[in-house]
C-alpha atoms as a PDB file:
ATOM      1  CA  UNK A   1     -35.531  -2.886  43.677  1.00  0.00           C
ATOM      2  CA  UNK A   2     -38.165  -1.675  41.290  1.00  0.00           C
ATOM      3  CA  UNK A   3     -38.883   1.988  41.690  1.00  0.00           C
ATOM      4  CA  UNK A   4     -42.383   3.437  42.082  1.00  0.00           C
ATOM      5  CA  UNK A   5     -42.416   6.258  39.502  1.00  0.00           C
ATOM      6  CA  UNK A   6     -45.523   6.284  37.254  1.00  0.00           C
ATOM      7  CA  UNK A   7     -45.630   8.504  34.157  1.00  0.00           C
ATOM      8  CA  UNK A   8     -48.958   9.795  32.662  1.00  0.00           C
ATOM      9  CA  UNK A   9     -49.188  11.532  29.224  1.00  0.00           C
ATOM     10  CA  UNK A  10     -50.536  14.925  29.134  1.00  0.00           C
ATOM     11  CA  UNK A  11     -52.573  14.879  25.839  1.00  0.00           C
ATOM     12  CA  UNK A  12     -52.977  18.610  25.212  1.00  0.00           C
ATOM     13  CA  UNK A  13     -49.117  18.621  24.963  1.00  0.00           C
ATOM     14  CA  UNK A  14     -48.199  15.191  23.741  1.00  0.00           C
ATOM     15  CA  UNK A  15     -49.292  13.570  20.465  1.00  0.00           C
ATOM     16  CA  UNK A  16     -50.642  16.730  19.113  1.00  0.00           C
ATOM     17  CA  UNK A  17     -49.516  15.577  15.736  1.00  0.00           C
ATOM     18  CA  UNK A  18     -52.606  13.333  15.902  1.00  0.00           C
ATOM     19  CA  UNK A  19     -56.308  14.083  16.295  1.00  0.00           C
ATOM     20  CA  UNK A  20     -57.607  13.823  19.833  1.00  0.00           C
ATOM     21  CA  UNK A  21     -59.378  10.546  19.099  1.00  0.00           C
ATOM     22  CA  UNK A  22     -56.086   8.845  18.203  1.00  0.00           C
ATOM     23  CA  UNK A  23     -53.984  10.280  20.939  1.00  0.00           C
ATOM     24  CA  UNK A  24     -54.958   7.802  23.885  1.00  0.00           C
ATOM     25  CA  UNK A  25     -54.244   4.821  21.555  1.00  0.00           C
ATOM     26  CA  UNK A  26     -50.847   6.473  20.673  1.00  0.00           C
ATOM     27  CA  UNK A  27     -49.955   7.120  24.299  1.00  0.00           C
ATOM     28  CA  UNK A  28     -50.971   3.375  25.253  1.00  0.00           C
ATOM     29  CA  UNK A  29     -48.666   2.194  22.418  1.00  0.00           C
ATOM     30  CA  UNK A  30     -45.855   4.295  23.726  1.00  0.00           C
ATOM     31  CA  UNK A  31     -46.017   2.662  27.166  1.00  0.00           C
ATOM     32  CA  UNK A  32     -48.045   4.988  28.946  1.00  0.00           C
ATOM     33  CA  UNK A  33     -50.804   3.662  31.541  1.00  0.00           C
ATOM     34  CA  UNK A  34     -52.506   7.006  32.220  1.00  0.00           C
ATOM     35  CA  UNK A  35     -53.495  10.341  30.779  1.00  0.00           C
ATOM     36  CA  UNK A  36     -54.006  13.898  31.526  1.00  0.00           C
ATOM     37  CA  UNK A  37     -56.264  16.148  29.404  1.00  0.00           C
ATOM     38  CA  UNK A  38     -56.560  19.666  30.540  1.00  0.00           C
ATOM     39  CA  UNK A  39     -59.852  20.851  29.092  1.00  0.00           C
ATOM     40  CA  UNK A  40     -61.983  18.109  27.698  1.00  0.00           C
ATOM     41  CA  UNK A  41     -65.127  20.205  27.420  1.00  0.00           C
ATOM     42  CA  UNK A  42     -65.251  20.622  23.699  1.00  0.00           C
ATOM     43  CA  UNK A  43     -66.277  16.971  23.767  1.00  0.00           C
ATOM     44  CA  UNK A  44     -68.952  14.855  25.593  1.00  0.00           C
ATOM     45  CA  UNK A  45     -67.867  12.668  28.584  1.00  0.00           C
ATOM     46  CA  UNK A  46     -68.921   9.571  26.414  1.00  0.00           C
ATOM     47  CA  UNK A  47     -66.145  10.601  23.726  1.00  0.00           C
ATOM     48  CA  UNK A  48     -63.368  10.430  26.356  1.00  0.00           C
ATOM     49  CA  UNK A  49     -64.966   7.269  27.999  1.00  0.00           C
ATOM     50  CA  UNK A  50     -64.721   5.455  24.857  1.00  0.00           C
ATOM     51  CA  UNK A  51     -61.104   6.554  24.169  1.00  0.00           C
ATOM     52  CA  UNK A  52     -60.131   5.279  27.594  1.00  0.00           C
ATOM     53  CA  UNK A  53     -62.038   2.073  27.225  1.00  0.00           C
ATOM     54  CA  UNK A  54     -60.266   1.270  23.827  1.00  0.00           C
ATOM     55  CA  UNK A  55     -56.789   2.365  24.922  1.00  0.00           C
ATOM     56  CA  UNK A  56     -56.818   0.993  28.518  1.00  0.00           C
ATOM     57  CA  UNK A  57     -55.484   4.142  29.846  1.00  0.00           C
ATOM     58  CA  UNK A  58     -56.598   5.719  33.269  1.00  0.00           C
ATOM     59  CA  UNK A  59     -57.709   9.351  33.326  1.00  0.00           C
ATOM     60  CA  UNK A  60     -55.636  10.841  36.117  1.00  0.00           C
ATOM     61  CA  UNK A  61     -56.183  14.652  35.802  1.00  0.00           C
ATOM     62  CA  UNK A  62     -58.413  17.350  34.138  1.00  0.00           C
ATOM     63  CA  UNK A  63     -58.408  21.023  34.682  1.00  0.00           C
ATOM     64  CA  UNK A  64     -61.296  23.358  35.418  1.00  0.00           C
ATOM     65  CA  UNK A  65     -62.696  25.348  32.257  1.00  0.00           C
ATOM     66  CA  UNK A  66     -60.959  28.498  31.387  1.00  0.00           C
ATOM     67  CA  UNK A  67     -61.849  31.332  29.196  1.00  0.00           C
ATOM     68  CA  UNK A  68     -60.540  32.255  25.756  1.00  0.00           C
ATOM     69  CA  UNK A  69     -56.851  32.550  25.014  1.00  0.00           C
ATOM     70  CA  UNK A  70     -55.797  36.055  25.815  1.00  0.00           C
ATOM     71  CA  UNK A  71     -58.755  37.092  27.816  1.00  0.00           C
ATOM     72  CA  UNK A  72     -58.607  37.679  31.533  1.00  0.00           C
ATOM     73  CA  UNK A  73     -60.266  34.444  32.313  1.00  0.00           C
ATOM     74  CA  UNK A  74     -57.797  32.448  30.204  1.00  0.00           C
ATOM     75  CA  UNK A  75     -56.092  30.892  33.296  1.00  0.00           C
ATOM     76  CA  UNK A  76     -59.379  30.489  35.133  1.00  0.00           C
ATOM     77  CA  UNK A  77     -61.634  32.758  37.184  1.00  0.00           C
ATOM     78  CA  UNK A  78     -61.352  31.305  40.724  1.00  0.00           C
ATOM     79  CA  UNK A  79     -59.847  34.534  41.955  1.00  0.00           C
ATOM     80  CA  UNK A  80     -62.335  36.933  40.403  1.00  0.00           C
ATOM     81  CA  UNK A  81     -64.860  38.578  42.867  1.00  0.00           C
ATOM     82  CA  UNK A  82     -67.394  39.197  40.235  1.00  0.00           C
ATOM     83  CA  UNK A  83     -67.340  35.665  38.741  1.00  0.00           C
ATOM     84  CA  UNK A  84     -67.994  33.535  41.804  1.00  0.00           C
ATOM     85  CA  UNK A  85     -71.360  32.054  40.183  1.00  0.00           C
ATOM     86  CA  UNK A  86     -69.466  31.344  36.835  1.00  0.00           C
ATOM     87  CA  UNK A  87     -66.617  29.744  38.832  1.00  0.00           C
ATOM     88  CA  UNK A  88     -68.921  27.319  40.727  1.00  0.00           C
ATOM     89  CA  UNK A  89     -70.623  26.572  37.252  1.00  0.00           C
ATOM     90  CA  UNK A  90     -67.116  25.647  35.872  1.00  0.00           C
ATOM     91  CA  UNK A  91     -66.432  23.642  38.945  1.00  0.00           C
ATOM     92  CA  UNK A  92     -69.651  21.575  38.738  1.00  0.00           C
ATOM     93  CA  UNK A  93     -68.885  20.895  35.025  1.00  0.00           C
ATOM     94  CA  UNK A  94     -65.365  19.735  35.966  1.00  0.00           C
ATOM     95  CA  UNK A  95     -66.820  17.464  38.687  1.00  0.00           C
ATOM     96  CA  UNK A  96     -69.292  15.940  36.016  1.00  0.00           C
ATOM     97  CA  UNK A  97     -66.550  15.162  33.698  1.00  0.00           C
ATOM     98  CA  UNK A  98     -64.120  13.871  36.322  1.00  0.00           C
ATOM     99  CA  UNK A  99     -66.907  11.648  37.908  1.00  0.00           C
ATOM    100  CA  UNK A 100     -67.890  10.427  34.314  1.00  0.00           C
ATOM    101  CA  UNK A 101     -64.197   9.484  33.599  1.00  0.00           C
ATOM    102  CA  UNK A 102     -63.351   8.092  36.983  1.00  0.00           C
ATOM    103  CA  UNK A 103     -60.803  10.611  37.356  1.00  0.00           C
ATOM    104  CA  UNK A 104     -59.977  11.365  40.976  1.00  0.00           C
ATOM    105  CA  UNK A 105     -58.080  14.701  40.624  1.00  0.00           C
ATOM    106  CA  UNK A 106     -59.049  18.047  39.204  1.00  0.00           C
ATOM    107  CA  UNK A 107     -56.660  20.972  38.733  1.00  0.00           C
ATOM    108  CA  UNK A 108     -58.327  24.060  40.015  1.00  0.00           C
ATOM    109  CA  UNK A 109     -56.921  26.806  38.000  1.00  0.00           C
ATOM    110  CA  UNK A 110     -56.599  29.773  40.108  1.00  0.00           C
ATOM    111  CA  UNK A 111     -56.594  32.750  37.491  1.00  0.00           C
ATOM    112  CA  UNK A 112     -54.749  35.942  36.981  1.00  0.00           C
ATOM    113  CA  UNK A 113     -55.331  39.118  39.051  1.00  0.00           C
ATOM    114  CA  UNK A 114     -58.445  40.804  37.947  1.00  0.00           C
ATOM    115  CA  UNK A 115     -57.670  44.253  36.787  1.00  0.00           C
ATOM    116  CA  UNK A 116     -59.077  47.051  38.876  1.00  0.00           C
ATOM    117  CA  UNK A 117     -59.436  44.635  41.944  1.00  0.00           C
ATOM    118  CA  UNK A 118     -56.913  44.657  44.824  1.00  0.00           C
ATOM    119  CA  UNK A 119     -54.775  41.530  45.318  1.00  0.00           C
ATOM    120  CA  UNK A 120     -56.344  41.176  48.705  1.00  0.00           C
ATOM    121  CA  UNK A 121     -59.835  40.833  47.421  1.00  0.00           C
ATOM    122  CA  UNK A 122     -58.551  38.393  44.667  1.00  0.00           C
ATOM    123  CA  UNK A 123     -56.918  36.293  47.377  1.00  0.00           C
ATOM    124  CA  UNK A 124     -59.957  36.207  49.641  1.00  0.00           C
ATOM    125  CA  UNK A 125     -62.129  35.128  46.642  1.00  0.00           C
ATOM    126  CA  UNK A 126     -59.648  32.447  45.606  1.00  0.00           C
ATOM    127  CA  UNK A 127     -59.653  31.109  49.266  1.00  0.00           C
ATOM    128  CA  UNK A 128     -63.518  31.127  49.492  1.00  0.00           C
ATOM    129  CA  UNK A 129     -63.950  29.445  46.033  1.00  0.00           C
ATOM    130  CA  UNK A 130     -61.431  26.831  46.807  1.00  0.00           C
ATOM    131  CA  UNK A 131     -63.329  25.869  50.116  1.00  0.00           C
ATOM    132  CA  UNK A 132     -66.590  25.846  48.228  1.00  0.00           C
ATOM    133  CA  UNK A 133     -65.163  23.802  45.374  1.00  0.00           C
ATOM    134  CA  UNK A 134     -63.526  21.400  47.826  1.00  0.00           C
ATOM    135  CA  UNK A 135     -66.929  20.691  49.429  1.00  0.00           C
ATOM    136  CA  UNK A 136     -68.628  19.972  45.992  1.00  0.00           C
ATOM    137  CA  UNK A 137     -65.484  17.608  45.084  1.00  0.00           C
ATOM    138  CA  UNK A 138     -65.565  15.748  48.250  1.00  0.00           C
ATOM    139  CA  UNK A 139     -69.244  14.615  47.503  1.00  0.00           C
ATOM    140  CA  UNK A 140     -67.750  12.653  44.593  1.00  0.00           C
ATOM    141  CA  UNK A 141     -64.600  11.582  46.440  1.00  0.00           C
ATOM    142  CA  UNK A 142     -62.470  13.955  44.227  1.00  0.00           C
ATOM    143  CA  UNK A 143     -59.463  15.932  45.320  1.00  0.00           C
ATOM    144  CA  UNK A 144     -58.473  19.231  43.857  1.00  0.00           C
ATOM    145  CA  UNK A 145     -54.896  20.485  43.218  1.00  0.00           C
ATOM    146  CA  UNK A 146     -53.651  24.141  42.957  1.00  0.00           C
ATOM    147  CA  UNK A 147     -50.623  24.991  40.837  1.00  0.00           C
ATOM    148  CA  UNK A 148     -48.138  27.725  41.139  1.00  0.00           C
ATOM    149  CA  UNK A 149     -47.139  29.100  37.668  1.00  0.00           C
ATOM    150  CA  UNK A 150     -44.071  31.107  37.046  1.00  0.00           C
ATOM    151  CA  UNK A 151     -44.059  34.862  36.580  1.00  0.00           C
ATOM    152  CA  UNK A 152     -41.954  34.774  33.370  1.00  0.00           C
ATOM    153  CA  UNK A 153     -44.904  32.978  31.395  1.00  0.00           C
ATOM    154  CA  UNK A 154     -47.768  34.153  33.476  1.00  0.00           C
ATOM    155  CA  UNK A 155     -46.866  37.469  35.137  1.00  0.00           C
ATOM    156  CA  UNK A 156     -50.351  38.247  36.524  1.00  0.00           C
ATOM    157  CA  UNK A 157     -51.058  34.794  37.683  1.00  0.00           C
ATOM    158  CA  UNK A 158     -52.062  34.891  41.384  1.00  0.00           C
ATOM    159  CA  UNK A 159     -49.926  31.927  42.469  1.00  0.00           C
ATOM    160  CA  UNK A 160     -46.218  32.165  41.560  1.00  0.00           C
ATOM    161  CA  UNK A 161     -44.647  30.078  44.496  1.00  0.00           C
ATOM    162  CA  UNK A 162     -45.477  26.765  46.241  1.00  0.00           C
ATOM    163  CA  UNK A 163     -45.873  28.547  49.504  1.00  0.00           C
ATOM    164  CA  UNK A 164     -48.475  31.063  48.098  1.00  0.00           C
ATOM    165  CA  UNK A 165     -50.430  27.914  46.857  1.00  0.00           C
ATOM    166  CA  UNK A 166     -50.110  26.051  50.161  1.00  0.00           C
ATOM    167  CA  UNK A 167     -51.287  29.190  52.091  1.00  0.00           C
ATOM    168  CA  UNK A 168     -54.550  29.300  49.869  1.00  0.00           C
ATOM    169  CA  UNK A 169     -55.026  25.563  50.869  1.00  0.00           C
ATOM    170  CA  UNK A 170     -54.445  26.075  54.492  1.00  0.00           C
ATOM    171  CA  UNK A 171     -56.559  29.321  54.547  1.00  0.00           C
ATOM    172  CA  UNK A 172     -59.392  27.322  52.842  1.00  0.00           C
ATOM    173  CA  UNK A 173     -59.452  24.775  55.593  1.00  0.00           C
ATOM    174  CA  UNK A 174     -60.020  22.095  52.972  1.00  0.00           C
ATOM    175  CA  UNK A 175     -58.921  18.603  53.464  1.00  0.00           C
ATOM    176  CA  UNK A 176     -58.916  17.441  49.983  1.00  0.00           C
ATOM    177  CA  UNK A 177     -56.983  20.082  48.242  1.00  0.00           C
ATOM    178  CA  UNK A 178     -53.229  19.638  47.573  1.00  0.00           C
ATOM    179  CA  UNK A 179     -50.493  20.746  45.562  1.00  0.00           C
ATOM    180  CA  UNK A 180     -49.615  20.292  41.911  1.00  0.00           C
ATOM    181  CA  UNK A 181     -45.840  20.335  41.749  1.00  0.00           C
ATOM    182  CA  UNK A 182     -44.618  21.364  38.298  1.00  0.00           C
ATOM    183  CA  UNK A 183     -40.876  21.101  37.984  1.00  0.00           C
ATOM    184  CA  UNK A 184     -40.850  23.495  35.102  1.00  0.00           C
ATOM    185  CA  UNK A 185     -42.790  26.194  36.893  1.00  0.00           C
ATOM    186  CA  UNK A 186     -40.853  25.758  40.210  1.00  0.00           C
ATOM    187  CA  UNK A 187     -37.512  26.172  38.450  1.00  0.00           C
ATOM    188  CA  UNK A 188     -38.645  29.296  36.637  1.00  0.00           C
ATOM    189  CA  UNK A 189     -40.222  30.787  39.649  1.00  0.00           C
ATOM    190  CA  UNK A 190     -37.910  29.692  42.624  1.00  0.00           C
ATOM    191  CA  UNK A 191     -35.135  27.227  41.578  1.00  0.00           C
ATOM    192  CA  UNK A 192     -33.834  24.853  44.040  1.00  0.00           C
ATOM    193  CA  UNK A 193     -36.426  22.241  42.918  1.00  0.00           C
ATOM    194  CA  UNK A 194     -35.629  19.233  44.910  1.00  0.00           C
ATOM    195  CA  UNK A 195     -35.334  21.202  48.072  1.00  0.00           C
ATOM    196  CA  UNK A 196     -38.802  22.605  47.239  1.00  0.00           C
ATOM    197  CA  UNK A 197     -39.906  18.984  46.451  1.00  0.00           C
ATOM    198  CA  UNK A 198     -38.632  17.807  49.991  1.00  0.00           C
ATOM    199  CA  UNK A 199     -40.186  20.689  51.750  1.00  0.00           C
ATOM    200  CA  UNK A 200     -43.604  20.383  50.337  1.00  0.00           C
ATOM    201  CA  UNK A 201     -43.981  16.646  49.690  1.00  0.00           C
ATOM    202  CA  UNK A 202     -46.561  16.261  52.400  1.00  0.00           C
ATOM    203  CA  UNK A 203     -48.897  18.521  50.593  1.00  0.00           C
ATOM    204  CA  UNK A 204     -48.319  17.285  47.070  1.00  0.00           C
ATOM    205  CA  UNK A 205     -50.923  15.275  45.180  1.00  0.00           C
ATOM    206  CA  UNK A 206     -49.694  15.465  41.551  1.00  0.00           C
ATOM    207  CA  UNK A 207     -46.350  16.209  39.803  1.00  0.00           C
ATOM    208  CA  UNK A 208     -45.632  17.436  36.375  1.00  0.00           C
ATOM    209  CA  UNK A 209     -42.438  17.639  34.348  1.00  0.00           C
ATOM    210  CA  UNK A 210     -40.915  19.649  31.527  1.00  0.00           C
ATOM    211  CA  UNK A 211     -37.241  20.898  31.293  1.00  0.00           C
ATOM    212  CA  UNK A 212     -36.292  24.445  31.579  1.00  0.00           C
ATOM    213  CA  UNK A 213     -36.199  27.087  30.063  1.00  0.00           C
ATOM    214  CA  UNK A 214     -37.935  25.893  26.903  1.00  0.00           C
ATOM    215  CA  UNK A 215     -40.542  23.553  28.495  1.00  0.00           C
ATOM    216  CA  UNK A 216     -39.539  20.838  26.264  1.00  0.00           C
ATOM    217  CA  UNK A 217     -38.717  17.105  27.051  1.00  0.00           C
ATOM    218  CA  UNK A 218     -36.422  16.071  30.022  1.00  0.00           C
ATOM    219  CA  UNK A 219     -32.885  16.322  28.957  1.00  0.00           C
ATOM    220  CA  UNK A 220     -33.214  19.321  26.715  1.00  0.00           C
ATOM    221  CA  UNK A 221     -32.406  21.931  29.225  1.00  0.00           C
ATOM    222  CA  UNK A 222     -30.809  22.877  32.475  1.00  0.00           C
ATOM    223  CA  UNK A 223     -32.443  20.430  35.028  1.00  0.00           C
ATOM    224  CA  UNK A 224     -30.713  17.392  36.294  1.00  0.00           C
ATOM    225  CA  UNK A 225     -33.351  14.617  35.903  1.00  0.00           C
ATOM    226  CA  UNK A 226     -31.583  11.714  37.289  1.00  0.00           C
ATOM    227  CA  UNK A 227     -31.252  13.907  40.454  1.00  0.00           C
ATOM    228  CA  UNK A 228     -34.927  14.836  40.373  1.00  0.00           C
ATOM    229  CA  UNK A 229     -36.114  11.248  39.633  1.00  0.00           C
ATOM    230  CA  UNK A 230     -34.045   9.868  42.544  1.00  0.00           C
ATOM    231  CA  UNK A 231     -35.387  12.599  44.763  1.00  0.00           C
ATOM    232  CA  UNK A 232     -38.972  11.745  43.845  1.00  0.00           C
ATOM    233  CA  UNK A 233     -38.320   8.059  44.884  1.00  0.00           C
ATOM    234  CA  UNK A 234     -36.375   9.043  48.025  1.00  0.00           C
ATOM    235  CA  UNK A 235     -39.339  11.098  49.367  1.00  0.00           C
ATOM    236  CA  UNK A 236     -41.731   8.321  48.705  1.00  0.00           C
ATOM    237  CA  UNK A 237     -43.791  10.002  46.090  1.00  0.00           C
ATOM    238  CA  UNK A 238     -46.512   7.510  44.823  1.00  0.00           C
ATOM    239  CA  UNK A 239     -48.435   9.721  42.640  1.00  0.00           C
ATOM    240  CA  UNK A 240     -48.425  10.196  38.775  1.00  0.00           C
ATOM    241  CA  UNK A 241     -45.677  12.166  37.009  1.00  0.00           C
ATOM    242  CA  UNK A 242     -47.415  14.124  34.327  1.00  0.00           C
ATOM    243  CA  UNK A 243     -45.355  14.576  31.124  1.00  0.00           C
ATOM    244  CA  UNK A 244     -46.501  18.084  30.362  1.00  0.00           C
ATOM    245  CA  UNK A 245     -43.920  19.333  27.815  1.00  0.00           C
ATOM    246  CA  UNK A 246     -43.691  20.654  24.440  1.00  0.00           C
ATOM    247  CA  UNK A 247     -41.725  18.031  22.218  1.00  0.00           C
ATOM    248  CA  UNK A 248     -38.796  19.596  20.378  1.00  0.00           C
ATOM    249  CA  UNK A 249     -39.775  17.409  17.226  1.00  0.00           C
ATOM    250  CA  UNK A 250     -42.397  15.091  17.346  1.00  0.00           C
ATOM    251  CA  UNK A 251     -43.621  13.132  20.426  1.00  0.00           C
ATOM    252  CA  UNK A 252     -42.600   9.668  19.563  1.00  0.00           C
ATOM    253  CA  UNK A 253     -39.099  10.786  18.741  1.00  0.00           C
ATOM    254  CA  UNK A 254     -39.098  12.949  21.758  1.00  0.00           C
ATOM    255  CA  UNK A 255     -39.674   9.984  24.076  1.00  0.00           C
ATOM    256  CA  UNK A 256     -36.065   8.973  23.581  1.00  0.00           C
ATOM    257  CA  UNK A 257     -35.319  10.938  26.657  1.00  0.00           C
ATOM    258  CA  UNK A 258     -36.725   7.920  28.750  1.00  0.00           C
ATOM    259  CA  UNK A 259     -33.501   5.934  27.645  1.00  0.00           C
ATOM    260  CA  UNK A 260     -31.281   8.665  29.214  1.00  0.00           C
ATOM    261  CA  UNK A 261     -32.681   8.255  32.741  1.00  0.00           C
ATOM    262  CA  UNK A 262     -32.776   4.708  34.394  1.00  0.00           C
ATOM    263  CA  UNK A 263     -35.826   5.662  36.668  1.00  0.00           C
ATOM    264  CA  UNK A 264     -38.091   6.609  33.625  1.00  0.00           C
ATOM    265  CA  UNK A 265     -36.915   3.705  31.307  1.00  0.00           C
ATOM    266  CA  UNK A 266     -39.682   1.380  32.352  1.00  0.00           C
ATOM    267  CA  UNK A 267     -42.839   2.609  30.577  1.00  0.00           C
END
């Protein structure tokens, strides 16, 4: 029987050897049917709308805006007590882009702990902001996802485990917020990735993949991808599987990983 896994190309990570205006067509030519683009905000909505129309791809994920690389806001500001108004403005911009691109899912980036502020205050701010953001997104029939990021790459990020992310969702009381389950981050943070998948699958909206520890294409590291893909099918996951990895060489050559895994050899 045909499997149900659907793979999307994260075009902030893949096809970076090409300018942005060529990446959507390149992804379509490689067999992808959908795209993710973390931060589209350097371009007008119309720019991406044209790329989607020309390529035939579906936009399935964007992220909320973040600050400059290396800044305290580089991973978002949703947990910063002194930045609530700025976060809401970011959220409104993300909703504008998602609506304009018919994208039904936004990754709300939680942010790193704010220096000089208690963890409790940062957590409370995140919960309140998630609740407010969910109300705004619901008006446009958009769902939000929260992602736990591993402490090796993101030591000050406020969410390191799936349970921490789920606790925020539950404490927010929002019905349109779920988990972004990233296999790379989960392996680096917690391990036992398929057990975590089975435990949290009722709360998962989106999945992303990269091998560990290098965050390169599947088959380049320690994870058992046939086992993982079988598990995704077994739990009945119907969403997109985002390819958010750093190709070891170039994107097209790196896509040879699909031939290694039967459940991925169809796109």
